């Protein structure tokens, strides 16, 4: 069993005040990470939904490509 030389010490070697401060920063960084991950997942979902429609992904890609091609051809011709 580990003997912590000072009274009131913890197994990590931090005092109670240091442990609370570490916990505070750890929780803030974890919450920030989760918020960033949620925003990133939402943006990717807006760009390409996780569950394609009846036609699938390729149909929407070809429709988009056709629209862009028609737009470019009408503007520059």
N, C-alpha and C. Protein backbone atom coordinates (compact mmCIF):
# COMPACT_ATOMS: atom_id res chain seq x y z
N UNK A 1 0.84 -1.17 0.00
CA UNK A 1 0.00 0.00 0.00
C UNK A 1 0.88 1.23 0.00
N UNK A 2 0.51 2.23 -0.74
CA UNK A 2 1.31 3.44 -0.85
C UNK A 2 1.14 4.30 0.39
N UNK A 3 2.26 4.79 0.89
CA UNK A 3 2.21 5.68 2.06
C UNK A 3 2.48 7.09 1.58
N UNK A 4 1.48 7.95 1.72
CA UNK A 4 1.66 9.33 1.28
C UNK A 4 2.29 10.10 2.41
N UNK A 5 3.48 10.48 2.41
CA UNK A 5 4.22 11.08 3.49
C UNK A 5 3.53 12.22 4.20
N UNK A 6 2.65 12.96 3.55
CA UNK A 6 2.03 14.10 4.22
C UNK A 6 0.58 13.81 4.57
N UNK A 7 0.13 14.38 5.66
CA UNK A 7 -1.23 14.14 6.15
C UNK A 7 -2.24 14.79 5.22
N UNK A 8 -3.31 14.09 4.93
CA UNK A 8 -4.36 14.63 4.08
C UNK A 8 -4.04 14.56 2.60
N UNK A 9 -2.94 13.93 2.21
CA UNK A 9 -2.59 13.81 0.80
C UNK A 9 -3.46 12.77 0.11
N UNK A 10 -3.46 12.80 -1.18
CA UNK A 10 -4.25 11.85 -1.95
C UNK A 10 -3.32 10.89 -2.67
N UNK A 11 -3.87 9.87 -3.28
CA UNK A 11 -3.06 8.89 -4.00
C UNK A 11 -2.37 9.53 -5.20
N UNK A 12 -2.93 10.58 -5.76
CA UNK A 12 -2.32 11.24 -6.92
C UNK A 12 -1.16 12.14 -6.54
N UNK A 13 -1.05 12.46 -5.24
CA UNK A 13 0.00 13.35 -4.80
C UNK A 13 -0.42 14.81 -4.80
N UNK A 14 -1.65 15.09 -5.21
CA UNK A 14 -2.16 16.46 -5.21
C UNK A 14 -2.87 16.74 -3.90
N UNK A 15 -2.83 17.97 -3.51
CA UNK A 15 -3.62 18.36 -2.34
C UNK A 15 -5.08 18.47 -2.77
N UNK A 16 -5.98 18.59 -1.81
CA UNK A 16 -7.40 18.69 -2.14
C UNK A 16 -7.67 19.92 -3.00
N UNK A 17 -7.01 21.02 -2.69
CA UNK A 17 -7.21 22.25 -3.48
C UNK A 17 -6.70 22.06 -4.90
N UNK A 18 -5.52 21.45 -5.05
CA UNK A 18 -4.96 21.21 -6.39
C UNK A 18 -5.84 20.25 -7.19
N UNK A 19 -6.38 19.23 -6.49
CA UNK A 19 -7.24 18.26 -7.17
C UNK A 19 -8.52 18.93 -7.66
N UNK A 20 -9.10 19.82 -6.85
CA UNK A 20 -10.31 20.53 -7.27
C UNK A 20 -10.02 21.44 -8.46
N UNK A 21 -8.87 22.11 -8.44
CA UNK A 21 -8.51 22.98 -9.55
C UNK A 21 -8.29 22.17 -10.83
N UNK A 22 -7.59 21.04 -10.70
CA UNK A 22 -7.38 20.17 -11.86
C UNK A 22 -8.71 19.67 -12.41
N UNK A 23 -9.60 19.27 -11.50
CA UNK A 23 -10.91 18.78 -11.92
C UNK A 23 -11.69 19.86 -12.66
N UNK A 24 -11.62 21.10 -12.17
CA UNK A 24 -12.32 22.21 -12.81
C UNK A 24 -11.84 22.39 -14.25
N UNK A 25 -10.52 22.42 -14.45
CA UNK A 25 -9.99 22.61 -15.80
C UNK A 25 -10.24 21.40 -16.69
N UNK A 26 -10.18 20.21 -16.09
CA UNK A 26 -10.46 19.00 -16.86
C UNK A 26 -11.90 19.00 -17.35
N UNK A 27 -12.84 19.36 -16.49
CA UNK A 27 -14.25 19.39 -16.89
C UNK A 27 -14.51 20.48 -17.93
N UNK A 28 -13.89 21.64 -17.77
CA UNK A 28 -14.07 22.72 -18.77
C UNK A 28 -13.56 22.28 -20.13
N UNK A 29 -12.39 21.63 -20.17
CA UNK A 29 -11.84 21.21 -21.46
C UNK A 29 -12.67 20.08 -22.05
N UNK A 30 -13.20 19.19 -21.22
CA UNK A 30 -14.04 18.11 -21.73
C UNK A 30 -15.33 18.66 -22.31
N UNK A 31 -15.95 19.61 -21.63
CA UNK A 31 -17.18 20.21 -22.13
C UNK A 31 -16.91 20.97 -23.43
N UNK A 32 -15.80 21.69 -23.51
CA UNK A 32 -15.46 22.40 -24.74
C UNK A 32 -15.26 21.41 -25.89
N UNK A 33 -14.59 20.30 -25.62
CA UNK A 33 -14.37 19.27 -26.64
C UNK A 33 -15.70 18.71 -27.15
N UNK A 34 -16.62 18.43 -26.23
CA UNK A 34 -17.91 17.86 -26.61
C UNK A 34 -18.72 18.87 -27.42
N UNK A 35 -18.69 20.13 -27.03
CA UNK A 35 -19.42 21.17 -27.79
C UNK A 35 -18.86 21.28 -29.20
N UNK A 36 -17.54 21.30 -29.33
CA UNK A 36 -16.91 21.38 -30.66
C UNK A 36 -17.29 20.15 -31.49
N UNK A 37 -17.30 18.99 -30.87
CA UNK A 37 -17.67 17.76 -31.59
C UNK A 37 -19.12 17.80 -32.05
N UNK A 38 -20.01 18.31 -31.21
CA UNK A 38 -21.43 18.41 -31.59
C UNK A 38 -21.60 19.37 -32.76
N UNK A 39 -20.93 20.51 -32.71
CA UNK A 39 -21.01 21.48 -33.81
C UNK A 39 -20.46 20.87 -35.10
N UNK A 40 -19.32 20.17 -35.00
CA UNK A 40 -18.74 19.55 -36.19
C UNK A 40 -19.68 18.49 -36.77
N UNK A 41 -20.29 17.67 -35.92
CA UNK A 41 -21.22 16.65 -36.42
C UNK A 41 -22.43 17.30 -37.07
N UNK A 42 -22.93 18.38 -36.49
CA UNK A 42 -24.07 19.07 -37.08
C UNK A 42 -23.72 19.63 -38.46
N UNK A 43 -22.54 20.24 -38.57
CA UNK A 43 -22.14 20.81 -39.87
C UNK A 43 -21.95 19.73 -40.92
N UNK A 44 -21.38 18.60 -40.55
CA UNK A 44 -21.21 17.50 -41.51
C UNK A 44 -22.57 16.94 -41.89
N UNK A 45 -23.47 16.85 -40.93
CA UNK A 45 -24.81 16.34 -41.22
C UNK A 45 -25.55 17.27 -42.18
N UNK A 46 -25.34 18.59 -42.03
CA UNK A 46 -25.95 19.54 -42.95
C UNK A 46 -25.37 19.40 -44.35
N UNK A 47 -24.08 19.11 -44.42
CA UNK A 47 -23.42 18.97 -45.72
C UNK A 47 -23.85 17.69 -46.41
N UNK A 48 -23.86 16.59 -45.64
CA UNK A 48 -24.25 15.30 -46.20
C UNK A 48 -24.95 14.50 -45.12
N UNK A 49 -26.27 14.38 -45.20
CA UNK A 49 -27.02 13.65 -44.16
C UNK A 49 -26.51 12.21 -44.03
N UNK A 50 -26.58 11.70 -42.82
CA UNK A 50 -26.06 10.36 -42.55
C UNK A 50 -26.92 9.29 -43.21
N UNK A 51 -28.19 9.55 -43.37
CA UNK A 51 -29.08 8.58 -44.00
C UNK A 51 -29.56 9.17 -45.32
N UNK A 52 -29.12 8.60 -46.45
CA UNK A 52 -29.51 9.17 -47.74
C UNK A 52 -31.00 8.96 -48.02
N UNK A 53 -31.49 9.74 -48.95
CA UNK A 53 -32.89 9.61 -49.34
C UNK A 53 -33.11 8.35 -50.17
N UNK A 54 -34.26 8.27 -50.80
CA UNK A 54 -34.62 7.09 -51.58
C UNK A 54 -33.65 6.89 -52.73
N UNK A 55 -33.22 7.98 -53.38
CA UNK A 55 -32.33 7.88 -54.53
C UNK A 55 -30.88 7.63 -54.15
N UNK A 56 -30.52 7.88 -52.91
CA UNK A 56 -29.14 7.69 -52.47
C UNK A 56 -28.32 8.95 -52.66
N UNK A 57 -27.03 8.85 -52.34
CA UNK A 57 -26.14 9.99 -52.42
C UNK A 57 -25.81 10.37 -53.86
N UNK A 58 -25.63 9.39 -54.71
CA UNK A 58 -25.17 9.68 -56.07
C UNK A 58 -26.20 10.49 -56.85
N UNK A 59 -27.45 10.27 -56.61
CA UNK A 59 -28.48 11.03 -57.32
C UNK A 59 -28.38 12.52 -56.98
N UNK A 60 -28.22 12.81 -55.70
CA UNK A 60 -28.12 14.22 -55.32
C UNK A 60 -26.82 14.83 -55.81
N UNK A 61 -25.76 14.05 -55.86
CA UNK A 61 -24.49 14.57 -56.38
C UNK A 61 -24.59 14.89 -57.87
N UNK A 62 -25.21 14.01 -58.63
CA UNK A 62 -25.33 14.26 -60.07
C UNK A 62 -26.28 15.42 -60.34
N UNK A 63 -27.33 15.54 -59.54
CA UNK A 63 -28.24 16.69 -59.70
C UNK A 63 -27.51 17.99 -59.42
N UNK A 64 -26.70 18.00 -58.37
CA UNK A 64 -25.94 19.21 -58.03
C UNK A 64 -24.92 19.53 -59.11
N UNK A 65 -24.25 18.51 -59.62
CA UNK A 65 -23.26 18.73 -60.67
C UNK A 65 -23.93 19.26 -61.93
N UNK A 66 -25.09 18.74 -62.26
CA UNK A 66 -25.82 19.22 -63.44
C UNK A 66 -26.24 20.67 -63.26
N UNK A 67 -26.69 21.02 -62.07
CA UNK A 67 -27.10 22.41 -61.81
C UNK A 67 -25.93 23.36 -61.94
N UNK A 68 -24.79 22.98 -61.39
CA UNK A 68 -23.60 23.84 -61.47
C UNK A 68 -23.13 23.97 -62.91
N UNK A 69 -23.14 22.87 -63.65
CA UNK A 69 -22.72 22.90 -65.05
C UNK A 69 -23.64 23.81 -65.86
N UNK A 70 -24.92 23.69 -65.66
CA UNK A 70 -25.87 24.55 -66.39
C UNK A 70 -25.67 26.02 -66.02
N UNK A 71 -25.44 26.29 -64.76
CA UNK A 71 -25.21 27.67 -64.32
C UNK A 71 -23.96 28.25 -64.97
N UNK A 72 -22.88 27.49 -64.97
CA UNK A 72 -21.63 27.97 -65.57
C UNK A 72 -21.79 28.18 -67.07
N UNK A 73 -22.46 27.24 -67.73
CA UNK A 73 -22.62 27.36 -69.19
C UNK A 73 -23.50 28.56 -69.55
N UNK A 74 -24.54 28.84 -68.79
CA UNK A 74 -25.39 29.98 -69.10
C UNK A 74 -24.72 31.31 -68.80
N UNK A 75 -23.84 31.34 -67.82
CA UNK A 75 -23.16 32.61 -67.46
C UNK A 75 -22.06 32.97 -68.45
N UNK A 76 -21.35 31.98 -68.95
CA UNK A 76 -20.16 32.26 -69.77
C UNK A 76 -20.37 32.01 -71.26
N UNK A 77 -21.57 31.74 -71.68
CA UNK A 77 -21.79 31.56 -73.11
C UNK A 77 -22.76 32.60 -73.63
